[in-house]
């Protein structure tokens, strides 16, 4: 059984208000009041646009992946730079179909977005039966599908799959 809806709304509201406090140059009563109203409105909108049952992130598990993500991002960045600056290295761009275990929704969208941050590949869509993400990559000879599968297994620990939504 998941976390109650009211608890999620409260957590989001506190996070939005905390973000508002970070933006303030001073803490006048008017600024704080306005911030509370904005945090309430932002919470209401977020509960409509991203319902509780759509899925969520385990932030502590996601933070544990930061060193891995930085390492992989640096490796991919150097590879892209090498390919861009050395005309002898192959540049064989194209589309690759990558099967994913995440159903359509928050977890899949988050995974696709995070993986698109790595240089050299970007998610460009899904196939018709929603089982495959389509990625554009710089070199079709690279094992992109295997790399994404390994990343998916790592990120599965941080992403909570919810009900599919459109």
N, C-alpha and C. Protein backbone atom coordinates (compact mmCIF):
# COMPACT_ATOMS: atom_id res chain seq x y z
N UNK A 1 0.84 -1.17 0.00
CA UNK A 1 0.00 0.00 0.00
C UNK A 1 0.89 1.24 0.00
N UNK A 2 0.53 2.23 -0.78
CA UNK A 2 1.36 3.41 -0.95
C UNK A 2 1.15 4.45 0.13
N UNK A 3 1.85 5.54 -0.04
CA UNK A 3 1.76 6.67 0.87
C UNK A 3 0.43 7.39 0.62
N UNK A 4 -0.28 7.81 1.68
CA UNK A 4 -1.56 8.50 1.50
C UNK A 4 -1.42 9.77 0.66
N UNK A 5 -2.45 10.06 -0.10
CA UNK A 5 -2.49 11.21 -1.00
C UNK A 5 -2.23 12.51 -0.25
N UNK A 6 -2.81 12.67 0.93
CA UNK A 6 -2.62 13.90 1.71
C UNK A 6 -1.16 14.09 2.11
N UNK A 7 -0.50 12.99 2.43
CA UNK A 7 0.92 13.06 2.81
C UNK A 7 1.77 13.52 1.63
N UNK A 8 1.48 13.00 0.43
CA UNK A 8 2.21 13.41 -0.77
C UNK A 8 1.96 14.89 -1.05
N UNK A 9 0.71 15.32 -0.93
CA UNK A 9 0.38 16.73 -1.17
C UNK A 9 1.12 17.62 -0.17
N UNK A 10 1.16 17.22 1.08
CA UNK A 10 1.86 17.99 2.11
C UNK A 10 3.35 18.08 1.78
N UNK A 11 3.96 16.97 1.39
CA UNK A 11 5.39 16.97 1.04
C UNK A 11 5.67 17.88 -0.14
N UNK A 12 4.83 17.81 -1.15
CA UNK A 12 5.02 18.68 -2.32
C UNK A 12 4.86 20.14 -1.93
N UNK A 13 3.85 20.44 -1.12
CA UNK A 13 3.62 21.83 -0.69
C UNK A 13 4.81 22.38 0.08
N UNK A 14 5.34 21.58 0.98
CA UNK A 14 6.52 22.02 1.75
C UNK A 14 7.71 22.23 0.82
N UNK A 15 7.88 21.34 -0.16
CA UNK A 15 8.99 21.48 -1.11
C UNK A 15 8.84 22.76 -1.94
N UNK A 16 7.62 23.04 -2.41
CA UNK A 16 7.40 24.25 -3.20
C UNK A 16 7.62 25.51 -2.36
N UNK A 17 7.15 25.48 -1.12
CA UNK A 17 7.34 26.64 -0.26
C UNK A 17 8.82 26.82 0.06
N UNK A 18 9.53 25.70 0.29
CA UNK A 18 10.98 25.78 0.54
C UNK A 18 11.72 26.37 -0.65
N UNK A 19 11.30 25.99 -1.85
CA UNK A 19 11.91 26.55 -3.05
C UNK A 19 11.63 28.05 -3.12
N UNK A 20 10.41 28.45 -2.78
CA UNK A 20 10.05 29.88 -2.76
C UNK A 20 10.96 30.63 -1.79
N UNK A 21 11.22 30.05 -0.62
CA UNK A 21 12.08 30.71 0.37
C UNK A 21 13.50 30.90 -0.17
N UNK A 22 13.97 29.95 -0.96
CA UNK A 22 15.30 30.09 -1.55
C UNK A 22 15.39 31.26 -2.52
N UNK A 23 14.28 31.61 -3.13
CA UNK A 23 14.26 32.68 -4.12
C UNK A 23 14.11 34.08 -3.51
N UNK A 24 13.73 34.13 -2.24
CA UNK A 24 13.44 35.42 -1.61
C UNK A 24 14.70 36.19 -1.21
N UNK A 25 14.73 37.49 -1.49
CA UNK A 25 15.84 38.31 -1.00
C UNK A 25 15.62 38.71 0.46
N UNK A 26 14.34 38.74 0.90
CA UNK A 26 14.02 39.08 2.29
C UNK A 26 12.80 38.26 2.70
N UNK A 27 12.49 38.28 3.99
CA UNK A 27 11.38 37.49 4.50
C UNK A 27 10.29 38.40 5.07
N UNK A 28 9.72 39.23 4.22
CA UNK A 28 8.63 40.09 4.68
C UNK A 28 7.35 39.26 4.78
N UNK A 29 6.41 39.74 5.57
CA UNK A 29 5.15 39.04 5.75
C UNK A 29 4.42 38.89 4.41
N UNK A 30 4.45 39.91 3.59
CA UNK A 30 3.78 39.84 2.28
C UNK A 30 4.42 38.77 1.39
N UNK A 31 5.76 38.68 1.39
CA UNK A 31 6.44 37.67 0.59
C UNK A 31 6.11 36.26 1.07
N UNK A 32 6.10 36.07 2.38
CA UNK A 32 5.80 34.76 2.93
C UNK A 32 4.35 34.36 2.66
N UNK A 33 3.44 35.30 2.78
CA UNK A 33 2.02 35.03 2.51
C UNK A 33 1.83 34.66 1.04
N UNK A 34 2.43 35.45 0.17
CA UNK A 34 2.33 35.18 -1.26
C UNK A 34 2.95 33.82 -1.58
N UNK A 35 4.07 33.50 -0.93
CA UNK A 35 4.72 32.21 -1.13
C UNK A 35 3.84 31.05 -0.70
N UNK A 36 3.14 31.20 0.41
CA UNK A 36 2.22 30.15 0.86
C UNK A 36 1.09 29.94 -0.15
N UNK A 37 0.56 31.05 -0.67
CA UNK A 37 -0.51 30.94 -1.67
C UNK A 37 0.00 30.26 -2.95
N UNK A 38 1.19 30.66 -3.40
CA UNK A 38 1.77 30.05 -4.59
C UNK A 38 2.09 28.57 -4.37
N UNK A 39 2.61 28.23 -3.20
CA UNK A 39 2.91 26.83 -2.90
C UNK A 39 1.63 25.99 -2.90
N UNK A 40 0.56 26.56 -2.36
CA UNK A 40 -0.73 25.86 -2.38
C UNK A 40 -1.23 25.64 -3.79
N UNK A 41 -1.13 26.68 -4.62
CA UNK A 41 -1.57 26.56 -6.01
C UNK A 41 -0.69 25.56 -6.78
N UNK A 42 0.61 25.63 -6.57
CA UNK A 42 1.52 24.71 -7.25
C UNK A 42 1.25 23.26 -6.82
N UNK A 43 0.95 23.06 -5.56
CA UNK A 43 0.63 21.72 -5.06
C UNK A 43 -0.65 21.21 -5.72
N UNK A 44 -1.67 22.05 -5.79
CA UNK A 44 -2.93 21.66 -6.40
C UNK A 44 -2.71 21.26 -7.87
N UNK A 45 -1.95 22.09 -8.60
CA UNK A 45 -1.68 21.79 -10.01
C UNK A 45 -0.87 20.50 -10.14
N UNK A 46 0.14 20.32 -9.30
CA UNK A 46 0.98 19.12 -9.41
C UNK A 46 0.19 17.86 -9.09
N UNK A 47 -0.76 17.94 -8.18
CA UNK A 47 -1.57 16.76 -7.86
C UNK A 47 -2.50 16.41 -9.02
N UNK A 48 -2.85 17.39 -9.85
CA UNK A 48 -3.69 17.12 -11.02
C UNK A 48 -2.85 16.62 -12.19
N UNK A 49 -1.68 17.24 -12.41
CA UNK A 49 -0.84 16.88 -13.55
C UNK A 49 0.00 15.62 -13.32
N UNK A 50 0.38 15.37 -12.08
CA UNK A 50 1.16 14.19 -11.75
C UNK A 50 0.51 13.50 -10.55
N UNK A 51 -0.54 12.74 -10.81
CA UNK A 51 -1.25 12.08 -9.71
C UNK A 51 -0.34 11.15 -8.92
N UNK A 52 -0.71 10.90 -7.69
CA UNK A 52 0.08 10.05 -6.80
C UNK A 52 0.26 8.65 -7.39
N UNK A 53 -0.77 8.13 -8.03
CA UNK A 53 -0.67 6.77 -8.55
C UNK A 53 0.06 6.67 -9.88
N UNK A 54 0.61 7.79 -10.38
CA UNK A 54 1.35 7.76 -11.64
C UNK A 54 2.76 7.21 -11.47
N UNK A 55 3.25 7.12 -10.24
CA UNK A 55 4.60 6.66 -9.98
C UNK A 55 5.38 7.74 -9.26
N UNK A 56 6.58 7.42 -8.85
CA UNK A 56 7.37 8.40 -8.11
C UNK A 56 8.85 8.03 -8.16
N UNK A 57 9.64 8.89 -7.55
CA UNK A 57 11.08 8.68 -7.44
C UNK A 57 11.45 8.35 -6.01
N UNK A 58 12.40 7.48 -5.85
CA UNK A 58 13.03 7.29 -4.53
C UNK A 58 14.29 8.15 -4.58
N UNK A 59 14.18 9.35 -4.03
CA UNK A 59 15.25 10.35 -4.17
C UNK A 59 16.56 9.83 -3.58
N UNK A 60 16.51 9.15 -2.43
CA UNK A 60 17.75 8.66 -1.82
C UNK A 60 18.44 7.65 -2.74
N UNK A 61 17.67 6.78 -3.39
CA UNK A 61 18.25 5.80 -4.33
C UNK A 61 18.78 6.50 -5.58
N UNK A 62 18.05 7.54 -6.03
CA UNK A 62 18.49 8.29 -7.20
C UNK A 62 19.81 9.01 -6.91
N UNK A 63 19.94 9.57 -5.72
CA UNK A 63 21.17 10.26 -5.35
C UNK A 63 22.36 9.30 -5.29
N UNK A 64 22.11 8.04 -4.95
CA UNK A 64 23.19 7.05 -4.93
C UNK A 64 23.73 6.78 -6.33
N UNK A 65 22.92 7.09 -7.36
CA UNK A 65 23.35 6.86 -8.73
C UNK A 65 24.12 8.04 -9.33
N UNK A 66 24.20 9.15 -8.60
CA UNK A 66 24.86 10.35 -9.13
C UNK A 66 26.31 10.08 -9.53
N UNK A 67 27.14 9.43 -8.70
CA UNK A 67 28.53 9.17 -9.14
C UNK A 67 28.58 8.34 -10.42
N UNK A 68 27.74 7.32 -10.52
CA UNK A 68 27.69 6.50 -11.74
C UNK A 68 27.29 7.34 -12.95
N UNK A 69 26.28 8.18 -12.77
CA UNK A 69 25.81 9.02 -13.86
C UNK A 69 26.89 10.00 -14.31
N UNK A 70 27.59 10.60 -13.37
CA UNK A 70 28.67 11.54 -13.71
C UNK A 70 29.78 10.82 -14.48
N UNK A 71 30.16 9.64 -14.00
CA UNK A 71 31.20 8.85 -14.67
C UNK A 71 30.78 8.51 -16.10
N UNK A 72 29.57 7.99 -16.27
CA UNK A 72 29.09 7.62 -17.60
C UNK A 72 28.94 8.84 -18.51
N UNK A 73 28.52 9.95 -17.93
CA UNK A 73 28.36 11.17 -18.70
C UNK A 73 29.71 11.69 -19.19
N UNK A 74 30.73 11.63 -18.34
CA UNK A 74 32.07 12.05 -18.74
C UNK A 74 32.62 11.15 -19.85
N UNK A 75 32.47 9.83 -19.69
CA UNK A 75 32.93 8.91 -20.73
C UNK A 75 32.25 9.19 -22.06
N UNK A 76 30.93 9.34 -22.02
CA UNK A 76 30.18 9.59 -23.25
C UNK A 76 30.55 10.95 -23.84
N UNK A 77 30.75 11.95 -23.00
CA UNK A 77 31.14 13.27 -23.47
C UNK A 77 32.48 13.26 -24.18
N UNK A 78 33.46 12.54 -23.62
CA UNK A 78 34.76 12.42 -24.27
C UNK A 78 34.63 11.68 -25.60
N UNK A 79 33.79 10.65 -25.64
CA UNK A 79 33.60 9.90 -26.88
C UNK A 79 32.98 10.79 -27.96
N UNK A 80 31.98 11.57 -27.60
CA UNK A 80 31.36 12.48 -28.56
C UNK A 80 32.36 13.52 -29.04
N UNK A 81 33.15 14.07 -28.12
CA UNK A 81 34.15 15.08 -28.50
C UNK A 81 35.19 14.48 -29.44
N UNK A 82 35.65 13.26 -29.14
CA UNK A 82 36.62 12.58 -30.01
C UNK A 82 36.05 12.39 -31.41
N UNK A 83 34.82 11.94 -31.47
CA UNK A 83 34.18 11.70 -32.78
C UNK A 83 33.99 13.01 -33.55
N UNK A 84 33.69 14.07 -32.83
CA UNK A 84 33.47 15.36 -33.50
C UNK A 84 34.77 15.97 -34.00
N UNK A 85 35.88 15.74 -33.28
CA UNK A 85 37.14 16.41 -33.61
C UNK A 85 38.09 15.55 -34.45
N UNK A 86 37.90 14.25 -34.50
CA UNK A 86 38.78 13.38 -35.26
C UNK A 86 38.03 12.81 -36.45
N UNK A 87 38.35 13.26 -37.65
CA UNK A 87 37.61 12.80 -38.83
C UNK A 87 37.79 11.31 -39.14
N UNK A 88 38.80 10.67 -38.55
CA UNK A 88 39.03 9.25 -38.80
C UNK A 88 38.07 8.36 -38.01
N UNK A 89 37.55 8.88 -36.91
CA UNK A 89 36.65 8.06 -36.10
C UNK A 89 35.27 7.98 -36.75
N UNK A 90 34.63 6.82 -36.62
CA UNK A 90 33.34 6.65 -37.30
C UNK A 90 32.23 7.48 -36.65
N UNK A 91 31.39 7.98 -37.51
CA UNK A 91 30.17 8.66 -37.08
C UNK A 91 29.07 8.04 -37.93
N UNK A 92 28.33 7.13 -37.33
CA UNK A 92 27.33 6.35 -38.04
C UNK A 92 25.98 6.55 -37.34
N UNK A 93 25.37 7.73 -37.47
CA UNK A 93 24.15 8.02 -36.72
C UNK A 93 22.95 7.23 -37.23
N UNK A 94 22.01 7.04 -36.34
CA UNK A 94 20.78 6.35 -36.73
C UNK A 94 19.87 6.13 -35.54
N UNK A 95 18.77 5.43 -35.79
CA UNK A 95 17.77 5.15 -34.76
C UNK A 95 17.91 3.71 -34.29
N UNK A 96 17.75 3.52 -32.97
CA UNK A 96 17.85 2.21 -32.36
C UNK A 96 16.59 1.98 -31.53
N UNK A 97 16.01 0.80 -31.64
CA UNK A 97 14.86 0.42 -30.83
C UNK A 97 15.34 -0.27 -29.57
N UNK A 98 14.95 0.27 -28.41
CA UNK A 98 15.39 -0.27 -27.13
C UNK A 98 14.18 -0.74 -26.32
N UNK A 99 14.00 -2.05 -26.17
CA UNK A 99 12.90 -2.54 -25.33
C UNK A 99 13.10 -2.08 -23.89
N UNK A 100 12.03 -1.67 -23.24
CA UNK A 100 12.10 -1.23 -21.84
C UNK A 100 11.05 -1.97 -21.02
N UNK A 101 11.37 -2.16 -19.75
CA UNK A 101 10.45 -2.83 -18.85
C UNK A 101 9.46 -1.89 -18.18
N UNK A 102 9.76 -0.60 -18.20
CA UNK A 102 8.85 0.35 -17.57
C UNK A 102 7.61 0.55 -18.44
N UNK A 103 6.43 0.50 -17.84
CA UNK A 103 5.22 0.78 -18.63
C UNK A 103 5.14 2.27 -18.92
N UNK A 104 4.30 2.66 -19.89
CA UNK A 104 4.14 4.10 -20.15
C UNK A 104 3.74 4.83 -18.87
N UNK A 105 4.32 6.00 -18.68
CA UNK A 105 4.01 6.79 -17.49
C UNK A 105 5.24 7.44 -16.91
N UNK A 106 5.13 7.79 -15.65
CA UNK A 106 6.17 8.56 -14.96
C UNK A 106 7.53 7.87 -15.00
N UNK A 107 7.59 6.59 -14.63
CA UNK A 107 8.88 5.90 -14.55
C UNK A 107 9.56 5.85 -15.91
N UNK A 108 8.81 5.51 -16.95
CA UNK A 108 9.40 5.44 -18.29
C UNK A 108 9.85 6.82 -18.76
N UNK A 109 9.01 7.83 -18.56
CA UNK A 109 9.37 9.18 -18.98
C UNK A 109 10.61 9.68 -18.25
N UNK A 110 10.69 9.39 -16.95
CA UNK A 110 11.86 9.82 -16.17
C UNK A 110 13.10 9.10 -16.66
N UNK A 111 13.00 7.80 -16.89
CA UNK A 111 14.14 7.03 -17.39
C UNK A 111 14.61 7.57 -18.74
N UNK A 112 13.67 7.78 -19.66
CA UNK A 112 14.03 8.28 -21.00
C UNK A 112 14.68 9.65 -20.92
N UNK A 113 14.17 10.50 -20.03
CA UNK A 113 14.73 11.84 -19.87
C UNK A 113 16.14 11.79 -19.31
N UNK A 114 16.34 11.00 -18.27
CA UNK A 114 17.66 10.91 -17.65
C UNK A 114 18.67 10.31 -18.63
N UNK A 115 18.27 9.28 -19.37
CA UNK A 115 19.17 8.66 -20.33
C UNK A 115 19.50 9.61 -21.48
N UNK A 116 18.58 10.51 -21.80
CA UNK A 116 18.85 11.48 -22.87
C UNK A 116 19.86 12.53 -22.45
N UNK A 117 20.13 12.63 -21.15
CA UNK A 117 21.15 13.57 -20.67
C UNK A 117 22.56 13.07 -20.96
N UNK A 118 22.70 11.78 -21.20
CA UNK A 118 24.01 11.24 -21.53
C UNK A 118 24.35 11.60 -22.98
N UNK A 119 25.53 12.15 -23.23
CA UNK A 119 25.89 12.55 -24.60
C UNK A 119 25.90 11.36 -25.56
N UNK A 120 25.50 11.62 -26.79
CA UNK A 120 25.57 10.61 -27.83
C UNK A 120 24.28 9.90 -28.13
N UNK A 121 23.27 10.04 -27.28
CA UNK A 121 21.98 9.41 -27.56
C UNK A 121 20.87 10.26 -26.97
N UNK A 122 19.72 10.19 -27.63
CA UNK A 122 18.56 10.94 -27.15
C UNK A 122 17.30 10.17 -27.52
N UNK A 123 16.37 10.10 -26.59
CA UNK A 123 15.11 9.43 -26.85
C UNK A 123 14.28 10.30 -27.79
N UNK A 124 13.75 9.67 -28.85
CA UNK A 124 12.98 10.43 -29.83
C UNK A 124 11.54 9.95 -29.94
N UNK A 125 11.17 8.91 -29.20
CA UNK A 125 9.79 8.46 -29.25
C UNK A 125 9.63 7.03 -28.79
N UNK A 126 8.44 6.49 -29.06
CA UNK A 126 8.10 5.12 -28.71
C UNK A 126 7.55 4.42 -29.94
N UNK A 127 7.56 3.09 -29.90
CA UNK A 127 6.92 2.38 -31.00
C UNK A 127 5.42 2.31 -30.75
N UNK A 128 4.69 1.73 -31.68
CA UNK A 128 3.24 1.72 -31.62
C UNK A 128 2.68 0.91 -30.45
N UNK A 129 3.36 -0.14 -30.02
CA UNK A 129 2.80 -0.96 -28.94
C UNK A 129 3.35 -0.62 -27.56
N UNK A 130 4.05 0.51 -27.44
CA UNK A 130 4.53 1.03 -26.16
C UNK A 130 5.49 0.11 -25.41
N UNK A 131 6.19 -0.77 -26.10
CA UNK A 131 7.16 -1.64 -25.44
C UNK A 131 8.60 -1.23 -25.72
N UNK A 132 8.77 -0.30 -26.64
CA UNK A 132 10.11 0.05 -27.10
C UNK A 132 10.26 1.56 -27.13
N UNK A 133 11.40 2.05 -26.60
CA UNK A 133 11.78 3.45 -26.77
C UNK A 133 12.70 3.53 -27.98
N UNK A 134 12.53 4.57 -28.77
CA UNK A 134 13.38 4.77 -29.95
C UNK A 134 14.41 5.85 -29.59
N UNK A 135 15.69 5.51 -29.77
CA UNK A 135 16.77 6.44 -29.47
C UNK A 135 17.53 6.79 -30.74
N UNK A 136 17.95 8.04 -30.83
CA UNK A 136 18.87 8.45 -31.88
C UNK A 136 20.26 8.37 -31.26
N UNK A 137 21.19 7.74 -31.96
CA UNK A 137 22.56 7.64 -31.43
C UNK A 137 23.55 8.04 -32.52
N UNK A 138 24.77 8.33 -32.09
CA UNK A 138 25.80 8.78 -33.02
C UNK A 138 26.52 7.66 -33.74
N UNK A 139 26.49 6.45 -33.18
CA UNK A 139 27.19 5.34 -33.80
C UNK A 139 26.39 4.06 -33.61
N UNK A 140 25.81 3.57 -34.69
CA UNK A 140 24.98 2.37 -34.62
C UNK A 140 25.79 1.13 -34.24
N UNK A 141 27.11 1.19 -34.39
CA UNK A 141 27.95 0.04 -34.04
C UNK A 141 28.13 -0.11 -32.53
N UNK A 142 27.84 0.93 -31.77
CA UNK A 142 27.97 0.87 -30.31
C UNK A 142 26.83 0.03 -29.72
N UNK A 143 27.06 -0.65 -28.60
CA UNK A 143 26.02 -1.50 -28.00
C UNK A 143 25.03 -0.68 -27.16
N UNK A 144 24.32 0.23 -27.80
CA UNK A 144 23.42 1.13 -27.08
C UNK A 144 22.31 0.39 -26.35
N UNK A 145 21.73 -0.62 -26.99
CA UNK A 145 20.63 -1.36 -26.37
C UNK A 145 21.12 -2.03 -25.08
N UNK A 146 22.27 -2.65 -25.12
CA UNK A 146 22.81 -3.31 -23.93
C UNK A 146 23.12 -2.29 -22.84
N UNK A 147 23.68 -1.13 -23.22
CA UNK A 147 23.99 -0.09 -22.24
C UNK A 147 22.71 0.42 -21.58
N UNK A 148 21.68 0.67 -22.38
CA UNK A 148 20.43 1.17 -21.81
C UNK A 148 19.76 0.13 -20.93
N UNK A 149 19.87 -1.13 -21.30
CA UNK A 149 19.31 -2.19 -20.47
C UNK A 149 20.00 -2.22 -19.10
N UNK A 150 21.33 -2.09 -19.10
CA UNK A 150 22.07 -2.07 -17.83
C UNK A 150 21.66 -0.85 -17.00
N UNK A 151 21.50 0.30 -17.66
CA UNK A 151 21.08 1.51 -16.94
C UNK A 151 19.66 1.35 -16.40
N UNK A 152 18.80 0.70 -17.16
CA UNK A 152 17.43 0.50 -16.71
C UNK A 152 17.40 -0.33 -15.43
N UNK A 153 18.23 -1.37 -15.38
CA UNK A 153 18.29 -2.19 -14.16
C UNK A 153 18.73 -1.36 -12.96
N UNK A 154 19.69 -0.45 -13.16
CA UNK A 154 20.13 0.42 -12.06
C UNK A 154 19.02 1.39 -11.64
N UNK A 155 18.39 2.02 -12.62
CA UNK A 155 17.37 3.03 -12.32
C UNK A 155 16.09 2.42 -11.79
N UNK A 156 15.87 1.14 -12.02
CA UNK A 156 14.66 0.49 -11.52
C UNK A 156 14.60 0.55 -9.99
N UNK A 157 15.75 0.66 -9.36
CA UNK A 157 15.80 0.76 -7.90
C UNK A 157 15.31 2.12 -7.41
N UNK A 158 15.40 3.14 -8.27
CA UNK A 158 15.05 4.51 -7.87
C UNK A 158 13.69 4.96 -8.38
N UNK A 159 13.13 4.25 -9.35
CA UNK A 159 11.86 4.67 -9.94
C UNK A 159 10.74 3.73 -9.49
N UNK A 160 9.67 4.30 -8.97
CA UNK A 160 8.51 3.53 -8.55
C UNK A 160 7.49 3.58 -9.68
N UNK A 161 7.20 2.41 -10.24
CA UNK A 161 6.26 2.34 -11.35
C UNK A 161 4.84 2.51 -10.82
N UNK A 162 4.09 3.37 -11.46
CA UNK A 162 2.69 3.58 -11.10
C UNK A 162 1.79 3.09 -12.22
N UNK A 163 0.55 3.49 -12.13
CA UNK A 163 -0.40 3.14 -13.18
C UNK A 163 -0.06 3.93 -14.44
N UNK A 164 -0.30 3.31 -15.58
CA UNK A 164 -0.05 3.99 -16.85
C UNK A 164 -1.04 5.15 -17.01
N UNK A 165 -0.58 6.23 -17.58
CA UNK A 165 -1.45 7.37 -17.85
C UNK A 165 -1.04 7.99 -19.18
N UNK A 166 -1.91 8.74 -19.74
CA UNK A 166 -1.61 9.38 -21.01
C UNK A 166 -1.78 10.88 -20.84
